[in-house]
């Protein structure tokens, strides 16, 4: 799964042709680590339909603050450069797919 930073967020997420699921994550966050295999599977299964990336909140405070992210993990879906949906907390892959269905 790709990682994005403050420096390349605009190019990788805002400018992306596909919808982008961004996980705002942190190394110290157990639920974030729990989501890693779920997001990797989602990225592989939905390749070509959605781009899945991670942003480390500790290393990238500019983007984290710009989108007012306070809890980890926070998932945001971007399409055509706009944030469409925000979801907080770990969840099973099935539920995540259900929540993404109308924006993909």
N, C-alpha and C. Protein backbone atom coordinates (compact mmCIF):
# COMPACT_ATOMS: atom_id res chain seq x y z
N UNK A 1 0.84 -1.17 0.00
CA UNK A 1 0.00 0.00 0.00
C UNK A 1 0.89 1.25 0.00
N UNK A 2 0.55 2.20 -0.82
CA UNK A 2 1.37 3.40 -0.97
C UNK A 2 1.22 4.33 0.23
N UNK A 3 2.29 5.02 0.54
CA UNK A 3 2.24 6.05 1.58
C UNK A 3 2.32 7.40 0.90
N UNK A 4 1.54 8.35 1.41
CA UNK A 4 1.61 9.71 0.90
C UNK A 4 2.09 10.62 2.03
N UNK A 5 2.59 11.80 1.62
CA UNK A 5 3.13 12.76 2.58
C UNK A 5 2.51 14.13 2.30
N UNK A 6 2.81 15.08 3.19
CA UNK A 6 2.37 16.45 2.95
C UNK A 6 2.84 16.92 1.57
N UNK A 7 4.07 16.53 1.21
CA UNK A 7 4.69 16.99 -0.04
C UNK A 7 3.97 16.47 -1.29
N UNK A 8 3.51 15.20 -1.26
CA UNK A 8 2.91 14.65 -2.49
C UNK A 8 1.40 14.40 -2.38
N UNK A 9 0.76 14.86 -1.31
CA UNK A 9 -0.68 14.62 -1.12
C UNK A 9 -1.49 15.21 -2.28
N UNK A 10 -1.18 16.41 -2.69
CA UNK A 10 -1.94 17.05 -3.78
C UNK A 10 -1.83 16.24 -5.07
N UNK A 11 -0.64 15.79 -5.40
CA UNK A 11 -0.45 15.03 -6.64
C UNK A 11 -1.07 13.64 -6.56
N UNK A 12 -0.86 12.95 -5.44
CA UNK A 12 -1.28 11.55 -5.31
C UNK A 12 -2.77 11.39 -4.99
N UNK A 13 -3.35 12.33 -4.26
CA UNK A 13 -4.74 12.19 -3.81
C UNK A 13 -5.66 13.18 -4.52
N UNK A 14 -5.35 14.46 -4.40
CA UNK A 14 -6.22 15.49 -4.98
C UNK A 14 -6.26 15.37 -6.51
N UNK A 15 -5.11 15.06 -7.11
CA UNK A 15 -5.03 14.97 -8.57
C UNK A 15 -5.28 13.59 -9.14
N UNK A 16 -5.65 12.62 -8.30
CA UNK A 16 -5.83 11.25 -8.78
C UNK A 16 -7.06 11.11 -9.66
N UNK A 17 -6.94 10.25 -10.66
CA UNK A 17 -8.08 9.99 -11.56
C UNK A 17 -9.11 9.09 -10.91
N UNK A 18 -8.65 8.14 -10.09
CA UNK A 18 -9.55 7.22 -9.39
C UNK A 18 -9.98 7.83 -8.06
N UNK A 19 -11.08 7.34 -7.48
CA UNK A 19 -11.36 7.70 -6.09
C UNK A 19 -10.21 7.19 -5.22
N UNK A 20 -9.91 7.91 -4.13
CA UNK A 20 -8.80 7.55 -3.27
C UNK A 20 -9.30 7.37 -1.84
N UNK A 21 -8.96 6.23 -1.23
CA UNK A 21 -9.23 6.00 0.18
C UNK A 21 -7.94 6.28 0.93
N UNK A 22 -7.96 7.29 1.79
CA UNK A 22 -6.79 7.66 2.57
C UNK A 22 -7.00 7.20 4.01
N UNK A 23 -6.03 6.44 4.52
CA UNK A 23 -6.06 6.10 5.95
C UNK A 23 -5.08 7.02 6.65
N UNK A 24 -5.59 7.85 7.56
CA UNK A 24 -4.74 8.66 8.41
C UNK A 24 -4.36 7.75 9.58
N UNK A 25 -3.07 7.48 9.70
CA UNK A 25 -2.60 6.43 10.60
C UNK A 25 -1.42 6.92 11.44
N UNK A 26 -1.04 6.11 12.42
CA UNK A 26 0.14 6.42 13.25
C UNK A 26 0.77 5.10 13.69
N UNK A 27 2.08 5.12 13.86
CA UNK A 27 2.81 3.91 14.26
C UNK A 27 2.36 3.41 15.64
N UNK A 28 1.95 4.31 16.52
CA UNK A 28 1.59 3.95 17.89
C UNK A 28 0.13 3.50 18.03
N UNK A 29 -0.59 3.38 16.92
CA UNK A 29 -2.04 3.12 16.95
C UNK A 29 -2.35 1.64 16.68
N UNK A 30 -2.71 0.84 17.71
CA UNK A 30 -3.03 -0.58 17.49
C UNK A 30 -4.16 -0.82 16.48
N UNK A 31 -5.28 -0.06 16.52
CA UNK A 31 -6.32 -0.30 15.51
C UNK A 31 -5.84 -0.02 14.08
N UNK A 32 -4.88 0.90 13.95
CA UNK A 32 -4.32 1.19 12.61
C UNK A 32 -3.55 -0.03 12.10
N UNK A 33 -2.76 -0.63 12.98
CA UNK A 33 -2.01 -1.84 12.59
C UNK A 33 -2.97 -2.97 12.25
N UNK A 34 -4.06 -3.05 12.98
CA UNK A 34 -5.09 -4.07 12.73
C UNK A 34 -5.71 -3.89 11.34
N UNK A 35 -5.78 -2.66 10.85
CA UNK A 35 -6.39 -2.37 9.55
C UNK A 35 -5.46 -2.64 8.37
N UNK A 36 -4.16 -2.76 8.61
CA UNK A 36 -3.19 -2.92 7.52
C UNK A 36 -3.53 -4.08 6.58
N UNK A 37 -3.78 -5.31 7.08
CA UNK A 37 -4.11 -6.40 6.15
C UNK A 37 -5.44 -6.19 5.44
N UNK A 38 -6.39 -5.56 6.11
CA UNK A 38 -7.70 -5.27 5.49
C UNK A 38 -7.52 -4.32 4.32
N UNK A 39 -6.73 -3.26 4.54
CA UNK A 39 -6.52 -2.27 3.48
C UNK A 39 -5.68 -2.83 2.34
N UNK A 40 -4.71 -3.67 2.67
CA UNK A 40 -3.90 -4.30 1.61
C UNK A 40 -4.78 -5.18 0.72
N UNK A 41 -5.67 -5.96 1.34
CA UNK A 41 -6.59 -6.81 0.58
C UNK A 41 -7.53 -5.97 -0.26
N UNK A 42 -8.06 -4.91 0.33
CA UNK A 42 -8.97 -4.01 -0.39
C UNK A 42 -8.26 -3.38 -1.59
N UNK A 43 -7.03 -2.94 -1.38
CA UNK A 43 -6.26 -2.32 -2.47
C UNK A 43 -6.06 -3.30 -3.62
N UNK A 44 -5.77 -4.57 -3.29
CA UNK A 44 -5.55 -5.58 -4.33
C UNK A 44 -6.85 -5.93 -5.05
N UNK A 45 -7.92 -6.12 -4.29
CA UNK A 45 -9.21 -6.53 -4.88
C UNK A 45 -9.86 -5.43 -5.70
N UNK A 46 -9.67 -4.19 -5.28
CA UNK A 46 -10.35 -3.07 -5.95
C UNK A 46 -9.40 -2.26 -6.83
N UNK A 47 -8.23 -2.82 -7.16
CA UNK A 47 -7.27 -2.12 -8.02
C UNK A 47 -7.96 -1.76 -9.33
N UNK A 48 -7.76 -0.54 -9.78
CA UNK A 48 -8.44 -0.09 -10.99
C UNK A 48 -9.74 0.63 -10.69
N UNK A 49 -10.30 0.42 -9.49
CA UNK A 49 -11.54 1.10 -9.09
C UNK A 49 -11.29 2.16 -8.02
N UNK A 50 -10.33 1.86 -7.14
CA UNK A 50 -10.01 2.78 -6.05
C UNK A 50 -8.53 2.67 -5.72
N UNK A 51 -7.94 3.79 -5.35
CA UNK A 51 -6.55 3.84 -4.92
C UNK A 51 -6.56 3.91 -3.39
N UNK A 52 -5.74 3.09 -2.74
CA UNK A 52 -5.70 3.07 -1.27
C UNK A 52 -4.31 3.54 -0.83
N UNK A 53 -4.27 4.57 0.02
CA UNK A 53 -3.00 5.11 0.50
C UNK A 53 -3.07 5.36 2.00
N UNK A 54 -1.89 5.48 2.61
CA UNK A 54 -1.79 5.80 4.03
C UNK A 54 -1.04 7.10 4.19
N UNK A 55 -1.42 7.86 5.23
CA UNK A 55 -0.70 9.07 5.57
C UNK A 55 -0.39 9.00 7.07
N UNK A 56 0.89 9.08 7.41
CA UNK A 56 1.30 9.04 8.81
C UNK A 56 1.07 10.42 9.42
N UNK A 57 0.18 10.50 10.41
CA UNK A 57 -0.21 11.80 10.97
C UNK A 57 0.94 12.48 11.70
N UNK A 58 1.81 11.70 12.34
CA UNK A 58 2.92 12.29 13.08
C UNK A 58 3.94 12.94 12.15
N UNK A 59 4.16 12.33 11.00
CA UNK A 59 5.15 12.83 10.05
C UNK A 59 4.59 13.89 9.10
N UNK A 60 3.26 14.01 9.06
CA UNK A 60 2.61 14.90 8.07
C UNK A 60 1.52 15.75 8.73
N UNK A 61 1.91 16.66 9.63
CA UNK A 61 0.92 17.44 10.37
C UNK A 61 0.12 18.42 9.50
N UNK A 62 0.71 18.89 8.40
CA UNK A 62 0.03 19.87 7.54
C UNK A 62 -1.28 19.31 6.99
N UNK A 63 -1.21 18.14 6.35
CA UNK A 63 -2.40 17.52 5.77
C UNK A 63 -3.36 17.08 6.87
N UNK A 64 -2.82 16.52 7.94
CA UNK A 64 -3.65 16.07 9.07
C UNK A 64 -4.48 17.22 9.61
N UNK A 65 -3.85 18.37 9.83
CA UNK A 65 -4.56 19.54 10.35
C UNK A 65 -5.52 20.14 9.33
N UNK A 66 -5.14 20.12 8.06
CA UNK A 66 -5.99 20.70 7.01
C UNK A 66 -7.34 19.99 6.95
N UNK A 67 -7.35 18.69 7.22
CA UNK A 67 -8.60 17.91 7.17
C UNK A 67 -9.16 17.62 8.57
N UNK A 68 -8.59 18.32 9.58
CA UNK A 68 -9.10 18.25 10.96
C UNK A 68 -9.22 16.81 11.49
N UNK A 69 -8.18 16.02 11.20
CA UNK A 69 -8.16 14.63 11.67
C UNK A 69 -7.69 14.61 13.12
N UNK A 70 -8.52 14.05 14.00
CA UNK A 70 -8.20 14.01 15.43
C UNK A 70 -8.05 12.59 15.97
N UNK A 71 -8.66 11.61 15.34
CA UNK A 71 -8.64 10.23 15.83
C UNK A 71 -8.02 9.32 14.79
N UNK A 72 -7.35 8.26 15.26
CA UNK A 72 -6.75 7.28 14.37
C UNK A 72 -7.43 5.94 14.59
N UNK A 73 -7.64 5.14 13.57
CA UNK A 73 -7.50 5.56 12.17
C UNK A 73 -8.73 6.35 11.71
N UNK A 74 -8.48 7.34 10.86
CA UNK A 74 -9.55 8.03 10.15
C UNK A 74 -9.39 7.68 8.68
N UNK A 75 -10.49 7.31 8.06
CA UNK A 75 -10.50 7.00 6.62
C UNK A 75 -11.25 8.12 5.92
N UNK A 76 -10.66 8.65 4.85
CA UNK A 76 -11.34 9.66 4.05
C UNK A 76 -11.33 9.21 2.60
N UNK A 77 -12.47 9.39 1.96
CA UNK A 77 -12.59 9.06 0.54
C UNK A 77 -12.58 10.37 -0.24
N UNK A 78 -11.68 10.46 -1.20
CA UNK A 78 -11.59 11.63 -2.07
C UNK A 78 -11.96 11.21 -3.48
N UNK A 79 -12.74 12.05 -4.15
CA UNK A 79 -13.03 11.84 -5.57
C UNK A 79 -13.01 13.20 -6.23
N UNK A 80 -12.33 13.29 -7.37
CA UNK A 80 -12.18 14.56 -8.09
C UNK A 80 -11.64 15.66 -7.18
N UNK A 81 -10.71 15.28 -6.29
CA UNK A 81 -10.06 16.26 -5.43
C UNK A 81 -10.84 16.68 -4.20
N UNK A 82 -12.04 16.16 -4.03
CA UNK A 82 -12.90 16.56 -2.91
C UNK A 82 -13.07 15.42 -1.90
N UNK A 83 -13.02 15.74 -0.60
CA UNK A 83 -13.33 14.70 0.39
C UNK A 83 -14.84 14.44 0.40
N UNK A 84 -15.23 13.19 0.18
CA UNK A 84 -16.65 12.83 0.11
C UNK A 84 -17.17 12.24 1.40
N UNK A 85 -16.32 11.50 2.09
CA UNK A 85 -16.77 10.79 3.28
C UNK A 85 -15.60 10.63 4.24
N UNK A 86 -15.92 10.68 5.53
CA UNK A 86 -14.93 10.45 6.56
C UNK A 86 -15.48 9.42 7.53
N UNK A 87 -14.64 8.45 7.90
CA UNK A 87 -15.04 7.38 8.82
C UNK A 87 -13.93 7.21 9.85
N UNK A 88 -14.31 7.06 11.10
CA UNK A 88 -13.33 6.94 12.17
C UNK A 88 -13.41 5.56 12.81
N UNK A 89 -12.25 4.95 13.01
CA UNK A 89 -12.19 3.68 13.73
C UNK A 89 -12.00 2.47 12.82
N UNK A 90 -11.42 1.43 13.41
CA UNK A 90 -11.19 0.18 12.69
C UNK A 90 -12.53 -0.48 12.40
N UNK A 91 -12.60 -1.23 11.29
CA UNK A 91 -13.83 -1.92 10.91
C UNK A 91 -13.47 -3.12 10.05
N UNK A 92 -14.34 -4.13 10.01
CA UNK A 92 -14.09 -5.28 9.14
C UNK A 92 -14.16 -4.86 7.67
N UNK A 93 -13.49 -5.64 6.82
CA UNK A 93 -13.44 -5.31 5.39
C UNK A 93 -14.85 -5.22 4.79
N UNK A 94 -15.74 -6.15 5.16
CA UNK A 94 -17.10 -6.15 4.61
C UNK A 94 -17.80 -4.83 4.89
N UNK A 95 -17.68 -4.35 6.13
CA UNK A 95 -18.33 -3.09 6.49
C UNK A 95 -17.69 -1.92 5.75
N UNK A 96 -16.38 -1.94 5.63
CA UNK A 96 -15.69 -0.88 4.91
C UNK A 96 -16.16 -0.83 3.45
N UNK A 97 -16.27 -2.00 2.82
CA UNK A 97 -16.75 -2.06 1.43
C UNK A 97 -18.18 -1.54 1.32
N UNK A 98 -19.03 -1.88 2.29
CA UNK A 98 -20.41 -1.37 2.28
C UNK A 98 -20.43 0.15 2.36
N UNK A 99 -19.58 0.70 3.22
CA UNK A 99 -19.53 2.15 3.39
C UNK A 99 -18.94 2.86 2.17
N UNK A 100 -18.15 2.15 1.40
CA UNK A 100 -17.54 2.73 0.22
C UNK A 100 -18.38 2.54 -1.05
N UNK A 101 -19.35 1.66 -0.99
CA UNK A 101 -20.11 1.25 -2.18
C UNK A 101 -20.67 2.43 -2.97
N UNK A 102 -21.24 3.41 -2.30
CA UNK A 102 -21.89 4.50 -3.02
C UNK A 102 -20.92 5.57 -3.53
N UNK A 103 -19.65 5.52 -3.12
CA UNK A 103 -18.69 6.51 -3.61
C UNK A 103 -17.70 5.94 -4.61
N UNK A 104 -17.72 4.62 -4.79
CA UNK A 104 -16.78 4.02 -5.76
C UNK A 104 -17.38 3.98 -7.15
